[in-house]
Amino acid sequence: MTNRIAVLALFLLFAATLATLHAQSSPASDSSSPAVVATTPVAAGAPIVEYAPPPAEYARAKAYSNSHYRHVFIGAFYGFLILLVILRWRVAPAFRNLAERASSSRFVQRIIFAPLILFTIAVLGIPSDIWDESLQRAYGLSVQTWGAWTRDWILGQAIMLIVGTLLVGILYGVIRRSPRRWWFYFWLASIPIVLLMFFLQPIVVDPLFYTFKPLAGAQPVLVSEIQKVVHRGGMEIPADRMFVMNASSKTTGLNAYVTGFGASKRVVVWDNTIAKATVPETLFVFGHEMGHYVLLHIPKEMAIISAILLFLLYLGYRLSNGMLARWGAQWGIRDLQDWASLPVLLFVITLLAFLATPVFNGVSRHFEHEADRYGLEVIHGIVDNPNQVAAHYFQKSGEKNLSDPDPSEFVKIWFFDHPTRPERVHFVATYNPWSSGEEPKYVK
């Protein structure tokens, strides 16, 4: 989990669905995209069939991956510890008492209590956040300055406090009206909120962190090629909906994606991808992301995860009531309707979400694999030798991103929401129904 004690933990699993399919917002300063499109053809020599980084990169990737895995587990347990400390020291009851002394209005109490407790949790989590950024910087994956990172943290917390305060109001309004069915009604209420956020993110949230410029102005050749892929996939995305994003001001990673829906739908290509990948490779990446839309992965995955979330919210309802019955008086919490019960709910939901991580990752890996398949099929006939184009891209981006070259089965199940790099390289290098006269699965 990127943010272990996030405000959005109350509908964490919906948000996680979107995060697996689309680039997430991070702060970045303005930078111009390269003006020249890379057009280097696939390198000559033995074709790539398996992922095989050079020995030095292999060792570096393993060192980073092992450090990252440790950080995820330690960071999660540190987050749980923060909530337990807050409960033990009765921090939430103190904030509740302050809010109740200030006003008898539930609305006023909420806008006092929620930001105080949520910001306290965020501040206590800073050591883990700094550790994460330090790890990224140590291995050259992050190129942000600490000043830019601080801006990122502050802006991210401001957004989460606003959204979190709204969610806390909805949550406790539902709990007070239906103490026994709140888990179901809050689940229903979270769905339109996530859909609204998904619509607004590309036009409201993302520009707060990145600079977007029209892709046609800087990369007319790439726009023309992307339009070929778009048309072959049966989509209609005009050139004025295509943008280049200055990802290089924050990260060294490569990516391109389709985001939003309706009036907010758009194509976004990272400037890193333009600078470091060839046009055919960029088309494959775009084809993969487009596959999520064409194959309806977003509604399918949200439907699956929403069903799981409903079950987890029910478990959270039972567990939180049990915890309050045993320790509520000791923690100074009256009952579940008390504002001060929020840390209990956050603890239960984040713990359940953490334990369910392998399930969500498995769902995501399936859809990501099918998007790889679609990406190959949609560029077939548009680029030469699409299998090797995709294999070279995964080899290149794997080395750049320090992807684990040989993760264990446990690591795969727990940490990978995409197929592992060896699996992806092997698949794209060998998937070729055309050679045997078979029909492709998606793009005929």
Protein backbone atom coordinates (compact mmCIF):
# COMPACT_ATOMS: atom_id res chain seq x y z
CA MET A 1 0.00 0.00 0.00
CA THR A 2 1.40 3.35 -1.04
CA ASN A 3 -0.13 5.17 1.93
CA ARG A 4 -0.65 2.81 4.82
CA ILE A 5 -2.79 5.04 7.01
CA ALA A 6 -4.34 7.14 4.29
CA VAL A 7 -7.62 8.90 4.82
CA LEU A 8 -8.87 7.04 1.81
CA ALA A 9 -8.39 3.73 3.61
CA LEU A 10 -12.15 3.77 4.10
CA PHE A 11 -12.52 3.00 0.41
CA LEU A 12 -8.90 2.01 -0.12
CA LEU A 13 -9.69 -0.96 -2.29
CA PHE A 14 -11.62 1.09 -4.85
CA ALA A 15 -8.81 3.61 -5.02
CA ALA A 16 -6.29 0.80 -5.38
CA THR A 17 -8.17 -0.44 -8.42
CA LEU A 18 -7.69 2.86 -10.22
CA ALA A 19 -4.10 3.07 -9.13
CA THR A 20 -3.22 -0.21 -10.79
CA LEU A 21 -4.56 0.97 -14.11
CA HIS A 22 -3.42 4.57 -14.25
CA ALA A 23 -0.47 6.72 -13.33
CA GLN A 24 -0.86 8.32 -9.93
CA SER A 25 -0.33 11.99 -9.23
CA SER A 26 2.99 13.12 -7.81
CA PRO A 27 4.42 16.59 -7.70
CA ALA A 28 6.73 17.75 -10.44
CA SER A 29 8.19 21.03 -11.53
CA ASP A 30 7.82 22.32 -15.05
CA SER A 31 10.06 20.92 -17.74
CA SER A 32 9.79 20.83 -21.48
CA SER A 33 9.45 17.58 -23.37
CA PRO A 34 12.03 16.50 -25.92
CA ALA A 35 11.34 17.87 -29.37
CA VAL A 36 12.62 14.87 -31.30
CA VAL A 37 10.85 11.53 -31.45
CA ALA A 38 13.14 8.54 -31.02
CA THR A 39 12.83 6.25 -33.99
CA THR A 40 15.62 3.77 -33.41
CA PRO A 41 14.63 0.39 -34.81
CA VAL A 42 14.84 -2.86 -32.87
CA ALA A 43 18.48 -3.68 -32.30
CA ALA A 44 20.04 -6.33 -34.44
CA GLY A 45 21.33 -9.57 -32.97
CA ALA A 46 19.80 -12.45 -31.07
CA PRO A 47 16.12 -11.86 -30.33
CA ILE A 48 15.05 -11.32 -26.73
CA VAL A 49 13.06 -14.24 -25.33
CA GLU A 50 13.81 -14.02 -21.61
CA TYR A 51 14.47 -11.09 -19.31
CA ALA A 52 18.23 -10.90 -18.81
CA PRO A 53 19.69 -7.68 -17.40
CA PRO A 54 23.48 -7.30 -17.33
CA PRO A 55 25.15 -8.73 -14.19
CA ALA A 56 25.72 -5.32 -12.59
CA GLU A 57 22.10 -4.27 -13.20
CA TYR A 58 20.90 -7.67 -11.99
CA ALA A 59 22.68 -7.23 -8.65
CA ARG A 60 21.49 -3.63 -8.31
CA ALA A 61 17.88 -4.60 -9.06
CA LYS A 62 17.98 -7.41 -6.49
CA ALA A 63 19.42 -5.08 -3.84
CA TYR A 64 16.75 -2.48 -4.50
CA SER A 65 13.92 -5.02 -4.66
CA ASN A 66 14.88 -6.63 -1.35
CA SER A 67 15.11 -3.21 0.31
CA HIS A 68 11.74 -2.26 -1.15
CA TYR A 69 10.07 -5.43 0.11
CA ARG A 70 11.41 -4.84 3.61
CA HIS A 71 10.21 -1.26 3.50
CA VAL A 72 6.68 -2.28 2.53
CA PHE A 73 6.32 -4.67 5.47
CA ILE A 74 8.07 -2.49 8.02
CA GLY A 75 6.17 0.56 6.81
CA ALA A 76 2.85 -1.28 7.12
CA PHE A 77 3.57 -2.44 10.65
CA TYR A 78 4.77 1.04 11.56
CA GLY A 79 1.46 2.41 10.31
CA PHE A 80 -0.48 -0.05 12.44
CA LEU A 81 1.68 0.89 15.41
CA ILE A 82 0.85 4.57 14.90
CA LEU A 83 -2.85 3.85 15.21
CA LEU A 84 -2.36 1.67 18.27
CA VAL A 85 -0.30 4.40 19.95
CA ILE A 86 -3.00 6.96 19.14
CA LEU A 87 -5.57 4.67 20.72
CA ARG A 88 -3.42 3.94 23.77
CA TRP A 89 -2.69 7.62 24.41
CA ARG A 90 -6.33 8.62 23.85
CA VAL A 91 -5.45 11.17 21.20
CA ALA A 92 -8.78 10.81 19.38
CA PRO A 93 -10.89 11.34 22.54
CA ALA A 94 -8.92 14.51 23.27
CA PHE A 95 -9.71 15.86 19.78
CA ARG A 96 -13.34 14.76 20.16
CA ASN A 97 -13.66 16.61 23.46
CA LEU A 98 -12.17 19.72 21.87
CA ALA A 99 -14.66 19.53 19.00
CA GLU A 100 -17.63 18.96 21.31
CA ARG A 101 -16.63 21.88 23.53
CA ALA A 102 -16.38 24.12 20.47
CA SER A 103 -19.89 23.40 19.18
CA SER A 104 -22.90 21.15 19.54
CA SER A 105 -23.22 21.03 15.73
CA ARG A 106 -22.15 17.72 14.26
CA PHE A 107 -20.93 19.53 11.14
CA VAL A 108 -18.67 21.86 13.12
CA GLN A 109 -17.43 18.96 15.24
CA ARG A 110 -16.53 17.05 12.11
CA ILE A 111 -14.52 19.86 10.51
CA ILE A 112 -12.59 20.23 13.76
CA PHE A 113 -12.08 16.57 14.67
CA ALA A 114 -11.42 14.96 11.28
CA PRO A 115 -8.56 17.23 10.08
CA LEU A 116 -6.90 17.08 13.52
CA ILE A 117 -6.84 13.29 13.78
CA LEU A 118 -6.04 12.70 10.12
CA PHE A 119 -3.20 15.22 10.08
CA THR A 120 -1.80 13.74 13.30
CA ILE A 121 -1.71 10.32 11.68
CA ALA A 122 -0.03 11.78 8.60
CA VAL A 123 2.63 13.63 10.62
CA LEU A 124 3.47 10.52 12.63
CA GLY A 125 3.86 8.66 9.34
CA ILE A 126 6.47 11.06 7.96
CA PRO A 127 9.47 8.87 8.95
CA SER A 128 8.15 6.06 6.77
CA ASP A 129 7.42 8.48 3.91
CA ILE A 130 10.94 9.89 4.12
CA TRP A 131 12.39 6.38 4.16
CA ASP A 132 10.46 5.53 1.02
CA GLU A 133 11.67 8.63 -0.82
CA SER A 134 15.25 8.09 0.42
CA LEU A 135 15.21 4.58 -1.00
CA GLN A 136 13.96 5.85 -4.36
CA ARG A 137 16.64 8.53 -4.41
CA ALA A 138 19.43 6.17 -3.36
CA TYR A 139 18.78 3.97 -6.39
CA GLY A 140 18.21 6.83 -8.82
CA LEU A 141 14.50 6.18 -9.31
CA SER A 142 13.47 9.55 -7.92
CA VAL A 143 15.06 12.77 -9.14
CA GLN A 144 12.99 15.13 -7.03
CA THR A 145 14.66 17.57 -4.71
CA TRP A 146 13.68 17.38 -1.08
CA GLY A 147 11.99 20.74 -1.51
CA ALA A 148 9.81 19.36 -4.30
CA TRP A 149 9.12 16.24 -2.25
CA THR A 150 8.00 18.40 0.67
CA ARG A 151 5.67 20.30 -1.62
CA ASP A 152 4.34 16.94 -2.79
CA TRP A 153 3.70 15.83 0.76
CA ILE A 154 1.97 19.04 1.82
CA LEU A 155 -0.23 19.24 -1.27
CA GLY A 156 -1.11 15.55 -1.04
CA GLN A 157 -2.07 15.90 2.60
CA ALA A 158 -4.20 18.96 1.85
CA ILE A 159 -6.16 17.01 -0.74
CA MET A 160 -6.50 14.01 1.54
CA LEU A 161 -7.68 16.16 4.45
CA ILE A 162 -10.41 17.68 2.31
CA VAL A 163 -11.57 14.37 0.89
CA GLY A 164 -11.05 12.58 4.21
CA THR A 165 -13.14 15.09 6.13
CA LEU A 166 -15.94 14.60 3.62
CA LEU A 167 -15.70 10.81 3.95
CA VAL A 168 -15.63 10.93 7.75
CA GLY A 169 -18.86 12.94 7.67
CA ILE A 170 -20.51 10.43 5.36
CA LEU A 171 -19.22 7.47 7.38
CA TYR A 172 -20.46 8.67 10.75
CA GLY A 173 -23.72 9.94 9.30
CA VAL A 174 -24.36 6.42 8.02
CA ILE A 175 -23.22 4.78 11.28
CA ARG A 176 -25.60 6.89 13.36
CA ARG A 177 -28.55 6.23 11.09
CA SER A 178 -27.92 2.50 10.71
CA PRO A 179 -25.60 1.09 13.40
CA ARG A 180 -26.02 -2.46 12.10
CA ARG A 181 -25.97 -1.85 8.34
CA TRP A 182 -23.56 1.08 8.04
CA TRP A 183 -20.93 -1.12 6.36
CA PHE A 184 -23.33 -1.78 3.47
CA TYR A 185 -24.58 1.78 3.04
CA PHE A 186 -21.11 3.26 3.28
CA TRP A 187 -19.99 0.78 0.61
CA LEU A 188 -22.78 2.08 -1.63
CA ALA A 189 -21.85 5.70 -0.91
CA SER A 190 -18.16 5.14 -1.70
CA ILE A 191 -18.82 3.98 -5.27
CA PRO A 192 -20.05 7.30 -6.75
CA ILE A 193 -17.33 9.14 -4.81
CA VAL A 194 -14.60 7.08 -6.46
CA LEU A 195 -16.22 7.47 -9.88
CA LEU A 196 -16.35 11.23 -9.38
CA MET A 197 -12.69 11.29 -8.36
CA PHE A 198 -11.79 9.22 -11.39
CA PHE A 199 -13.52 11.75 -13.61
CA LEU A 200 -11.97 14.78 -11.89
CA GLN A 201 -8.43 13.46 -11.40
CA PRO A 202 -7.06 14.25 -14.90
CA ILE A 203 -8.56 17.73 -15.06
CA VAL A 204 -8.37 18.86 -11.43
CA VAL A 205 -5.85 16.80 -9.43
CA ASP A 206 -3.12 15.80 -11.91
CA PRO A 207 -2.36 19.38 -13.05
CA LEU A 208 -1.54 20.23 -9.43
CA PHE A 209 1.41 17.85 -9.63
CA TYR A 210 2.47 17.73 -13.27
CA THR A 211 2.68 20.05 -16.23
CA PHE A 212 0.73 18.89 -19.29
CA LYS A 213 1.34 20.22 -22.79
CA PRO A 214 -0.37 19.31 -26.08
CA LEU A 215 1.39 16.32 -27.58
CA ALA A 216 0.68 17.50 -31.13
CA GLY A 217 2.80 20.62 -30.70
CA ALA A 218 5.96 18.78 -29.64
CA GLN A 219 5.47 15.33 -31.19
CA PRO A 220 3.31 15.50 -34.35
CA VAL A 221 4.79 12.26 -35.71
CA LEU A 222 3.96 10.38 -32.50
CA VAL A 223 0.41 11.77 -32.49
CA SER A 224 -0.09 10.53 -36.04
CA GLU A 225 1.14 7.05 -35.08
CA ILE A 226 -0.97 6.93 -31.92
CA GLN A 227 -4.04 7.81 -33.98
CA LYS A 228 -3.43 4.69 -36.07
CA VAL A 229 -3.48 2.57 -32.92
CA VAL A 230 -6.54 4.39 -31.58
CA HIS A 231 -8.49 3.85 -34.77
CA ARG A 232 -7.52 0.21 -35.02
CA GLY A 233 -8.73 -0.31 -31.46
CA GLY A 234 -12.09 1.25 -32.27
CA MET A 235 -11.62 4.32 -30.08
CA GLU A 236 -11.94 7.99 -30.95
CA ILE A 237 -9.53 10.28 -29.14
CA PRO A 238 -8.88 13.59 -30.97
CA ALA A 239 -5.38 15.06 -31.05
CA ASP A 240 -6.37 17.83 -28.62
CA ARG A 241 -6.98 15.13 -25.99
CA MET A 242 -3.35 13.94 -26.18
CA PHE A 243 -0.77 15.39 -23.81
CA VAL A 244 2.86 15.04 -22.81
CA MET A 245 3.56 15.06 -19.07
CA ASN A 246 6.82 16.20 -17.47
CA ALA A 247 7.36 13.01 -15.47
CA SER A 248 11.13 13.42 -15.81
CA SER A 249 11.07 16.12 -13.14
CA LYS A 250 10.14 13.45 -10.60
CA THR A 251 11.04 9.99 -11.83
CA THR A 252 13.22 8.10 -14.28
CA GLY A 253 10.45 5.62 -15.11
CA LEU A 254 8.72 5.15 -18.46
CA ASN A 255 4.98 5.11 -19.06
CA ALA A 256 1.99 6.28 -21.10
CA TYR A 257 -1.67 5.98 -20.21
CA VAL A 258 -5.29 6.72 -20.99
CA THR A 259 -7.26 8.30 -18.14
CA GLY A 260 -10.62 9.83 -17.31
CA PHE A 261 -13.92 9.18 -19.06
CA GLY A 262 -16.40 11.23 -21.02
CA ALA A 263 -15.27 14.83 -21.20
CA SER A 264 -12.14 14.10 -19.13
CA LYS A 265 -10.82 11.19 -21.24
CA ARG A 266 -7.30 11.82 -22.53
CA VAL A 267 -4.03 10.24 -23.65
CA VAL A 268 -0.95 11.07 -21.61
CA VAL A 269 2.60 10.18 -22.65
CA TRP A 270 5.46 10.67 -20.19
CA ASP A 271 8.34 12.76 -21.50
CA ASN A 272 10.68 10.02 -20.23
CA THR A 273 9.04 7.59 -22.61
CA ILE A 274 9.41 9.97 -25.54
CA ALA A 275 13.08 10.51 -24.72
CA LYS A 276 14.11 6.93 -23.98
CA ALA A 277 11.76 4.67 -25.96
CA THR A 278 11.34 4.35 -29.70
CA VAL A 279 8.08 5.28 -31.38
CA PRO A 280 7.08 1.59 -31.83
CA GLU A 281 7.83 0.92 -28.16
CA THR A 282 5.74 3.92 -27.14
CA LEU A 283 2.90 2.63 -29.31
CA PHE A 284 3.03 -0.72 -27.51
CA VAL A 285 2.87 0.98 -24.11
CA PHE A 286 -0.04 3.08 -25.31
CA GLY A 287 -1.75 0.00 -26.77
CA HIS A 288 -1.45 -1.74 -23.41
CA GLU A 289 -3.08 1.18 -21.59
CA MET A 290 -5.75 1.51 -24.26
CA GLY A 291 -6.52 -2.17 -23.76
CA HIS A 292 -7.73 -1.45 -20.24
CA TYR A 293 -10.41 0.78 -21.73
CA VAL A 294 -11.35 -1.28 -24.77
CA LEU A 295 -11.57 -4.49 -22.72
CA LEU A 296 -13.53 -2.73 -19.95
CA HIS A 297 -10.95 -3.67 -17.36
CA ILE A 298 -11.77 -0.69 -15.17
CA PRO A 299 -15.47 -1.53 -14.56
CA LYS A 300 -14.70 -5.26 -14.41
CA GLU A 301 -11.95 -4.88 -11.86
CA MET A 302 -13.95 -2.37 -9.84
CA ALA A 303 -16.89 -4.78 -9.76
CA ILE A 304 -14.70 -7.62 -8.49
CA ILE A 305 -12.90 -5.51 -5.93
CA SER A 306 -16.09 -3.81 -4.80
CA ALA A 307 -17.53 -7.22 -3.95
CA ILE A 308 -14.42 -8.05 -1.95
CA LEU A 309 -14.54 -4.65 -0.28
CA LEU A 310 -18.12 -5.22 0.78
CA PHE A 311 -17.01 -8.40 2.54
CA LEU A 312 -14.06 -6.63 4.17
CA LEU A 313 -16.27 -3.79 5.37
CA TYR A 314 -18.58 -6.34 6.95
CA LEU A 315 -15.60 -7.96 8.68
CA GLY A 316 -14.50 -4.48 9.74
CA TYR A 317 -17.91 -3.87 11.27
CA ARG A 318 -17.69 -7.06 13.31
CA LEU A 319 -14.06 -6.61 14.35
CA SER A 320 -14.41 -2.94 15.30
CA ASN A 321 -17.41 -3.69 17.50
CA GLY A 322 -15.44 -6.49 19.15
CA MET A 323 -12.43 -4.24 19.75
CA LEU A 324 -14.57 -1.50 21.27
CA ALA A 325 -16.41 -3.96 23.50
CA ARG A 326 -13.08 -5.12 24.94
CA TRP A 327 -10.91 -1.98 24.92
CA GLY A 328 -13.28 0.92 24.22
CA ALA A 329 -13.47 2.12 27.82
CA GLN A 330 -9.69 1.87 28.18
CA TRP A 331 -9.24 3.98 25.04
CA GLY A 332 -11.87 6.54 26.09
CA ILE A 333 -14.22 5.65 23.21
CA ARG A 334 -17.94 5.55 23.98
CA ASP A 335 -19.13 3.43 21.05
CA LEU A 336 -18.77 3.14 17.29
CA GLN A 337 -20.86 6.30 16.75
CA ASP A 338 -18.28 8.32 18.70
CA TRP A 339 -15.94 10.42 16.53
CA ALA A 340 -13.07 8.97 18.57
CA SER A 341 -13.69 5.50 17.11
CA LEU A 342 -12.16 6.58 13.77
CA PRO A 343 -8.65 5.20 14.55
CA VAL A 344 -10.25 1.84 15.34
CA LEU A 345 -12.03 1.78 11.98
CA LEU A 346 -8.87 2.87 10.16
CA PHE A 347 -6.84 0.18 11.93
CA VAL A 348 -9.31 -2.56 11.06
CA ILE A 349 -9.84 -1.53 7.43
CA THR A 350 -6.14 -1.02 6.67
CA LEU A 351 -5.21 -4.28 8.38
CA LEU A 352 -7.82 -6.21 6.41
CA ALA A 353 -6.76 -4.50 3.18
CA PHE A 354 -3.12 -5.33 3.89
CA LEU A 355 -3.92 -9.00 4.52
CA ALA A 356 -6.02 -9.10 1.34
CA THR A 357 -3.19 -7.67 -0.77
CA PRO A 358 -2.45 -11.00 -2.53
CA VAL A 359 -6.08 -11.26 -3.63
CA PHE A 360 -6.15 -7.78 -5.15
CA ASN A 361 -2.77 -8.31 -6.77
CA GLY A 362 -3.98 -11.52 -8.37
CA VAL A 363 -6.99 -9.78 -9.87
CA SER A 364 -4.80 -6.95 -11.16
CA ARG A 365 -2.16 -9.29 -12.64
CA HIS A 366 -4.82 -11.01 -14.72
CA PHE A 367 -6.03 -7.76 -16.27
CA GLU A 368 -2.49 -6.48 -16.81
CA HIS A 369 -1.57 -9.68 -18.62
CA GLU A 370 -4.56 -9.33 -20.92
CA ALA A 371 -3.63 -5.70 -21.56
CA ASP A 372 -0.17 -6.88 -22.65
CA ARG A 373 -1.87 -9.26 -25.07
CA TYR A 374 -4.09 -6.50 -26.40
CA GLY A 375 -1.13 -4.16 -26.78
CA LEU A 376 0.65 -6.69 -28.99
CA GLU A 377 -2.43 -7.32 -31.09
CA VAL A 378 -3.39 -3.69 -31.62
CA ILE A 379 0.07 -2.70 -32.94
CA HIS A 380 0.37 -5.79 -35.15
CA GLY A 381 0.57 -4.56 -38.74
CA ILE A 382 1.32 -1.01 -37.59
CA VAL A 383 4.88 -1.62 -36.38
CA ASP A 384 7.42 -4.13 -37.64
CA ASN A 385 8.18 -7.15 -35.45
CA PRO A 386 5.84 -6.19 -32.58
CA ASN A 387 7.00 -9.10 -30.39
CA GLN A 388 10.57 -7.85 -30.28
CA VAL A 389 9.44 -4.24 -29.96
CA ALA A 390 7.53 -5.17 -26.80
CA ALA A 391 10.31 -7.42 -25.52
CA HIS A 392 12.90 -4.68 -25.99
CA TYR A 393 10.67 -2.19 -24.19
CA PHE A 394 10.18 -4.47 -21.19
CA GLN A 395 13.89 -5.26 -21.12
CA LYS A 396 14.78 -1.56 -21.28
CA SER A 397 12.17 -0.34 -18.80
CA GLY A 398 12.89 -3.25 -16.46
CA GLU A 399 16.53 -2.25 -16.23
CA LYS A 400 15.61 1.41 -15.83
CA ASN A 401 13.00 0.69 -13.13
CA LEU A 402 15.21 -1.90 -11.35
CA SER A 403 12.53 -4.57 -11.72
CA ASP A 404 13.17 -7.75 -9.73
CA PRO A 405 14.79 -10.14 -12.25
CA ASP A 406 13.74 -13.34 -10.48
CA PRO A 407 11.12 -12.82 -7.76
CA SER A 408 10.05 -15.79 -5.67
CA GLU A 409 6.48 -17.03 -5.79
CA PHE A 410 5.77 -15.41 -2.42
CA VAL A 411 7.16 -12.09 -3.61
CA LYS A 412 5.12 -12.32 -6.79
CA ILE A 413 1.89 -13.04 -4.92
CA TRP A 414 2.39 -10.38 -2.27
CA PHE A 415 4.06 -7.52 -4.12
CA PHE A 416 3.27 -7.73 -7.83
CA ASP A 417 0.06 -6.19 -9.18
CA HIS A 418 1.52 -6.71 -12.69
CA PRO A 419 3.05 -9.91 -14.05
CA THR A 420 6.72 -10.17 -13.13
CA ARG A 421 9.24 -8.78 -15.58
CA PRO A 422 10.47 -12.26 -16.65
CA GLU A 423 6.86 -13.33 -17.28
CA ARG A 424 6.09 -10.25 -19.34
CA VAL A 425 9.20 -10.47 -21.49
CA HIS A 426 8.66 -14.16 -22.20
CA PHE A 427 4.99 -13.65 -23.06
CA VAL A 428 5.40 -10.74 -25.45
CA ALA A 429 8.37 -12.42 -27.11
CA THR A 430 6.53 -15.68 -27.78
CA TYR A 431 2.86 -14.71 -28.26
CA ASN A 432 2.32 -15.00 -32.00
CA PRO A 433 -0.99 -16.51 -33.13
CA TRP A 434 -0.49 -15.07 -36.62
CA SER A 435 2.47 -17.35 -37.37
CA SER A 436 0.31 -20.46 -36.98
CA GLY A 437 -2.73 -19.05 -38.77
CA GLU A 438 -4.73 -18.59 -35.56
CA GLU A 439 -6.91 -15.60 -34.83
CA PRO A 440 -5.75 -13.18 -32.17
CA LYS A 441 -7.92 -13.00 -29.09
CA TYR A 442 -8.98 -9.35 -29.16
CA VAL A 443 -7.97 -7.43 -32.28
CA LYS A 444 -9.01 -9.43 -35.32
